Amino acid sequence: MKHEHLCKVRDGDFRRITGVRRETFQKMVEILSTAQSEKLRKGGAKPKLCIEDQLLATLEYLREYRTLIHISANYGISESQLSRIIRWVEDVLVKDGAFSLPGKKALVKSEMTYEVIMVDCTETPIERPKKTT
């Protein structure tokens, strides 16, 4: 689904389709457009997809587990080009820090205590009446 079509849907449907709120999507677009303008200033070809479509293709890949061939066919680009786009989008968003998750050490340092319950779910034989004919 291209970004032009997605602009017309309601906010609730937007979140159901993309997995993020519209405000979060716009913040991601701002971060990516800043990174892309720096990238283009250094030199290089203009990308075939706009920033919104690059982000949308990445979210489709991460959310729906679709293969690269299916997504690339929807956007009219090659698999390798889509793979580079997804890697770039992920790297830029993680490097920015606004969308990165806390690491393992943050969980260890937290003041919350976790209780673990272990349940034995192994299969046990049940005595059943034998059929007599």
Foldseek 3Di string as FASTA:
>chain_A
DDPVVLVPDDQVVNCVLQVDGPVVLVVLLVLVVVVVVVVPVVPDDDDPDRSSRLSSLLSCCVPVVDQLVVSCVVVVHDSVVNVVSNVVSVVSVVVVPPPDDDDPVVVVPDPDDDDDDDDDDDDDDDDDDDDDD
